[in-house]
């Protein structure tokens, strides 16, 4: 929050700084035979990338989409920051291409796209998007 913070206190925030959340469709998970609830796993400190990958693999095997990766930098960068990676250094220089944790996050996303667990939104059929697929029970998250 940079300039919004002084002496450990936050004095303001920018507009449109909403948190990233991962929605999931319980019906789609159930249809794929997934009995673990991601929210419960998170509450118990057991939600991690491996659990997510396991779920998306099962969803793909059940002929569903596991996760639709939207075409926006915020979604890509959230994978880095949730992995304790850095996108920029303290001087503002872009370092996501050299930061170890950032590269680990890029590789995780790449591997899951390549395996078919994640689907890039730009490759969906015309007229389809993550929202429509979620509501029509085609994708779990």
C-alpha atoms as a PDB file:
ATOM      1  CA  UNK A   1       0.000   0.000   0.000  1.00  0.00           C
ATOM      2  CA  UNK A   2       3.055   2.178  -0.150  1.00  0.00           C
ATOM      3  CA  UNK A   3       2.016   5.818   0.056  1.00  0.00           C
ATOM      4  CA  UNK A   4      -1.189   5.011   1.965  1.00  0.00           C
ATOM      5  CA  UNK A   5       0.854   3.835   4.941  1.00  0.00           C
ATOM      6  CA  UNK A   6       2.804   5.970   7.413  1.00  0.00           C
ATOM      7  CA  UNK A   7       4.204   5.055  10.822  1.00  0.00           C
ATOM      8  CA  UNK A   8       2.556   1.651  10.631  1.00  0.00           C
ATOM      9  CA  UNK A   9      -0.923   3.069  10.068  1.00  0.00           C
ATOM     10  CA  UNK A  10      -2.993   2.916   6.889  1.00  0.00           C
ATOM     11  CA  UNK A  11      -4.520   6.288   5.983  1.00  0.00           C
ATOM     12  CA  UNK A  12      -6.191   5.386   2.727  1.00  0.00           C
ATOM     13  CA  UNK A  13      -6.298   2.893  -0.067  1.00  0.00           C
ATOM     14  CA  UNK A  14      -6.729   3.122  -3.802  1.00  0.00           C
ATOM     15  CA  UNK A  15     -10.002   2.419  -5.535  1.00  0.00           C
ATOM     16  CA  UNK A  16     -10.508  -1.045  -7.000  1.00  0.00           C
ATOM     17  CA  UNK A  17      -8.130  -2.817  -4.654  1.00  0.00           C
ATOM     18  CA  UNK A  18     -10.448  -5.716  -4.070  1.00  0.00           C
ATOM     19  CA  UNK A  19      -9.023  -9.002  -2.793  1.00  0.00           C
ATOM     20  CA  UNK A  20      -8.653 -11.996  -5.061  1.00  0.00           C
ATOM     21  CA  UNK A  21     -10.806 -14.919  -4.020  1.00  0.00           C
ATOM     22  CA  UNK A  22     -11.225 -18.393  -5.379  1.00  0.00           C
ATOM     23  CA  UNK A  23     -14.862 -19.311  -5.850  1.00  0.00           C
ATOM     24  CA  UNK A  24     -15.699 -22.982  -6.130  1.00  0.00           C
ATOM     25  CA  UNK A  25     -18.781 -24.841  -7.266  1.00  0.00           C
ATOM     26  CA  UNK A  26     -19.755 -27.493  -4.697  1.00  0.00           C
ATOM     27  CA  UNK A  27     -22.051 -29.263  -7.158  1.00  0.00           C
ATOM     28  CA  UNK A  28     -19.257 -29.701  -9.708  1.00  0.00           C
ATOM     29  CA  UNK A  29     -16.858 -30.925  -7.024  1.00  0.00           C
ATOM     30  CA  UNK A  30     -19.429 -33.464  -5.809  1.00  0.00           C
ATOM     31  CA  UNK A  31     -20.143 -34.693  -9.360  1.00  0.00           C
ATOM     32  CA  UNK A  32     -16.410 -35.339  -9.780  1.00  0.00           C
ATOM     33  CA  UNK A  33     -16.300 -37.373  -6.565  1.00  0.00           C
ATOM     34  CA  UNK A  34     -14.450 -34.730  -4.569  1.00  0.00           C
ATOM     35  CA  UNK A  35     -15.558 -34.858  -0.941  1.00  0.00           C
ATOM     36  CA  UNK A  36     -13.105 -32.405   0.601  1.00  0.00           C
ATOM     37  CA  UNK A  37     -14.362 -28.839   0.926  1.00  0.00           C
ATOM     38  CA  UNK A  38     -11.721 -26.227   0.014  1.00  0.00           C
ATOM     39  CA  UNK A  39     -12.983 -23.796   2.702  1.00  0.00           C
ATOM     40  CA  UNK A  40     -12.733 -26.467   5.394  1.00  0.00           C
ATOM     41  CA  UNK A  41      -9.265 -27.406   4.196  1.00  0.00           C
ATOM     42  CA  UNK A  42      -8.249 -23.731   4.353  1.00  0.00           C
ATOM     43  CA  UNK A  43      -9.686 -23.321   7.862  1.00  0.00           C
ATOM     44  CA  UNK A  44      -7.629 -26.319   8.973  1.00  0.00           C
ATOM     45  CA  UNK A  45      -4.444 -25.070   7.307  1.00  0.00           C
ATOM     46  CA  UNK A  46      -4.521 -27.896   4.756  1.00  0.00           C
ATOM     47  CA  UNK A  47      -5.388 -25.991   1.576  1.00  0.00           C
ATOM     48  CA  UNK A  48      -2.366 -25.755  -0.691  1.00  0.00           C
ATOM     49  CA  UNK A  49      -1.380 -25.896  -4.329  1.00  0.00           C
ATOM     50  CA  UNK A  50      -1.066 -29.687  -4.282  1.00  0.00           C
ATOM     51  CA  UNK A  51      -4.656 -30.061  -3.028  1.00  0.00           C
ATOM     52  CA  UNK A  52      -5.819 -27.648  -5.721  1.00  0.00           C
ATOM     53  CA  UNK A  53      -3.908 -29.558  -8.399  1.00  0.00           C
ATOM     54  CA  UNK A  54      -5.305 -32.880  -7.164  1.00  0.00           C
ATOM     55  CA  UNK A  55      -8.834 -31.473  -7.355  1.00  0.00           C
ATOM     56  CA  UNK A  56      -8.385 -29.999 -10.826  1.00  0.00           C
ATOM     57  CA  UNK A  57      -6.935 -33.306 -12.029  1.00  0.00           C
ATOM     58  CA  UNK A  58     -10.017 -35.160 -10.756  1.00  0.00           C
ATOM     59  CA  UNK A  59     -12.282 -32.564 -12.340  1.00  0.00           C
ATOM     60  CA  UNK A  60     -10.540 -32.939 -15.687  1.00  0.00           C
ATOM     61  CA  UNK A  61     -10.938 -36.719 -15.439  1.00  0.00           C
ATOM     62  CA  UNK A  62     -14.672 -36.166 -14.846  1.00  0.00           C
ATOM     63  CA  UNK A  63     -14.828 -34.148 -18.110  1.00  0.00           C
ATOM     64  CA  UNK A  64     -15.182 -30.830 -16.275  1.00  0.00           C
ATOM     65  CA  UNK A  65     -12.984 -27.768 -16.302  1.00  0.00           C
ATOM     66  CA  UNK A  66     -10.927 -27.487 -13.127  1.00  0.00           C
ATOM     67  CA  UNK A  67      -9.999 -23.824 -13.184  1.00  0.00           C
ATOM     68  CA  UNK A  68     -10.389 -21.058 -15.753  1.00  0.00           C
ATOM     69  CA  UNK A  69      -7.404 -18.716 -15.775  1.00  0.00           C
ATOM     70  CA  UNK A  70      -8.631 -15.251 -16.682  1.00  0.00           C
ATOM     71  CA  UNK A  71      -6.656 -13.006 -19.007  1.00  0.00           C
ATOM     72  CA  UNK A  72      -5.625 -10.269 -16.596  1.00  0.00           C
ATOM     73  CA  UNK A  73      -2.316  -9.479 -14.933  1.00  0.00           C
ATOM     74  CA  UNK A  74      -3.919  -9.375 -11.469  1.00  0.00           C
ATOM     75  CA  UNK A  75      -4.768 -13.051 -11.595  1.00  0.00           C
ATOM     76  CA  UNK A  76      -1.296 -13.993 -12.771  1.00  0.00           C
ATOM     77  CA  UNK A  77       0.436 -11.845 -10.179  1.00  0.00           C
ATOM     78  CA  UNK A  78      -1.765 -13.216  -7.394  1.00  0.00           C
ATOM     79  CA  UNK A  79      -0.179 -16.625  -7.918  1.00  0.00           C
ATOM     80  CA  UNK A  80       3.208 -15.018  -7.268  1.00  0.00           C
ATOM     81  CA  UNK A  81       2.230 -13.029  -4.190  1.00  0.00           C
ATOM     82  CA  UNK A  82       0.331 -15.955  -2.655  1.00  0.00           C
ATOM     83  CA  UNK A  83       3.571 -17.909  -2.969  1.00  0.00           C
ATOM     84  CA  UNK A  84       5.548 -15.183  -1.131  1.00  0.00           C
ATOM     85  CA  UNK A  85       7.151 -14.148  -4.412  1.00  0.00           C
ATOM     86  CA  UNK A  86       8.007 -10.661  -5.555  1.00  0.00           C
ATOM     87  CA  UNK A  87       6.934  -8.938  -8.721  1.00  0.00           C
ATOM     88  CA  UNK A  88       8.961  -5.768  -8.158  1.00  0.00           C
ATOM     89  CA  UNK A  89      11.910  -4.988  -5.917  1.00  0.00           C
ATOM     90  CA  UNK A  90      12.028  -2.022  -3.522  1.00  0.00           C
ATOM     91  CA  UNK A  91      13.192   0.293  -6.301  1.00  0.00           C
ATOM     92  CA  UNK A  92      10.250  -0.650  -8.537  1.00  0.00           C
ATOM     93  CA  UNK A  93      12.241  -2.853 -10.917  1.00  0.00           C
ATOM     94  CA  UNK A  94      10.325  -5.836 -12.345  1.00  0.00           C
ATOM     95  CA  UNK A  95      11.883  -9.007 -10.940  1.00  0.00           C
ATOM     96  CA  UNK A  96       9.171 -11.643 -11.373  1.00  0.00           C
ATOM     97  CA  UNK A  97      11.296 -13.221 -14.092  1.00  0.00           C
ATOM     98  CA  UNK A  98      14.195 -13.808 -11.690  1.00  0.00           C
ATOM     99  CA  UNK A  99      12.587 -14.105  -8.244  1.00  0.00           C
ATOM    100  CA  UNK A 100      12.724 -17.757  -7.142  1.00  0.00           C
ATOM    101  CA  UNK A 101       9.219 -17.835  -5.631  1.00  0.00           C
ATOM    102  CA  UNK A 102       7.775 -15.980  -8.629  1.00  0.00           C
ATOM    103  CA  UNK A 103       9.336 -18.467 -11.033  1.00  0.00           C
ATOM    104  CA  UNK A 104       7.963 -21.315  -8.932  1.00  0.00           C
ATOM    105  CA  UNK A 105       4.471 -19.802  -9.231  1.00  0.00           C
ATOM    106  CA  UNK A 106       4.824 -19.306 -13.012  1.00  0.00           C
ATOM    107  CA  UNK A 107       5.914 -22.937 -13.338  1.00  0.00           C
ATOM    108  CA  UNK A 108       2.953 -24.179 -11.279  1.00  0.00           C
ATOM    109  CA  UNK A 109       0.503 -22.298 -13.492  1.00  0.00           C
ATOM    110  CA  UNK A 110       2.308 -23.381 -16.674  1.00  0.00           C
ATOM    111  CA  UNK A 111       2.397 -27.044 -15.620  1.00  0.00           C
ATOM    112  CA  UNK A 112      -1.314 -27.027 -14.824  1.00  0.00           C
ATOM    113  CA  UNK A 113      -2.252 -25.333 -18.093  1.00  0.00           C
ATOM    114  CA  UNK A 114      -0.122 -27.855 -19.977  1.00  0.00           C
ATOM    115  CA  UNK A 115      -1.754 -30.763 -18.076  1.00  0.00           C
ATOM    116  CA  UNK A 116      -5.241 -29.445 -18.840  1.00  0.00           C
ATOM    117  CA  UNK A 117      -6.088 -28.716 -15.208  1.00  0.00           C
ATOM    118  CA  UNK A 118      -6.216 -24.977 -15.865  1.00  0.00           C
ATOM    119  CA  UNK A 119      -7.823 -23.536 -18.989  1.00  0.00           C
ATOM    120  CA  UNK A 120      -6.817 -20.138 -20.322  1.00  0.00           C
ATOM    121  CA  UNK A 121     -10.009 -18.113 -20.714  1.00  0.00           C
ATOM    122  CA  UNK A 122      -8.917 -16.895 -24.155  1.00  0.00           C
ATOM    123  CA  UNK A 123      -9.128 -20.448 -25.509  1.00  0.00           C
ATOM    124  CA  UNK A 124     -12.746 -21.039 -24.490  1.00  0.00           C
ATOM    125  CA  UNK A 125     -15.419 -21.344 -27.173  1.00  0.00           C
ATOM    126  CA  UNK A 126     -16.867 -18.053 -28.411  1.00  0.00           C
ATOM    127  CA  UNK A 127     -19.374 -16.638 -25.950  1.00  0.00           C
ATOM    128  CA  UNK A 128     -18.035 -18.653 -23.036  1.00  0.00           C
ATOM    129  CA  UNK A 129     -16.365 -17.148 -20.024  1.00  0.00           C
ATOM    130  CA  UNK A 130     -15.436 -18.243 -16.537  1.00  0.00           C
ATOM    131  CA  UNK A 131     -18.648 -16.778 -15.066  1.00  0.00           C
ATOM    132  CA  UNK A 132     -20.983 -18.503 -17.516  1.00  0.00           C
ATOM    133  CA  UNK A 133     -19.141 -21.793 -17.174  1.00  0.00           C
ATOM    134  CA  UNK A 134     -19.291 -21.579 -13.391  1.00  0.00           C
ATOM    135  CA  UNK A 135     -23.024 -20.912 -13.357  1.00  0.00           C
ATOM    136  CA  UNK A 136     -23.711 -23.695 -15.876  1.00  0.00           C
ATOM    137  CA  UNK A 137     -21.778 -26.233 -13.775  1.00  0.00           C
ATOM    138  CA  UNK A 138     -18.974 -26.746 -16.272  1.00  0.00           C
ATOM    139  CA  UNK A 139     -16.124 -25.457 -14.109  1.00  0.00           C
ATOM    140  CA  UNK A 140     -15.357 -25.847 -10.419  1.00  0.00           C
ATOM    141  CA  UNK A 141     -13.338 -22.660  -9.908  1.00  0.00           C
END
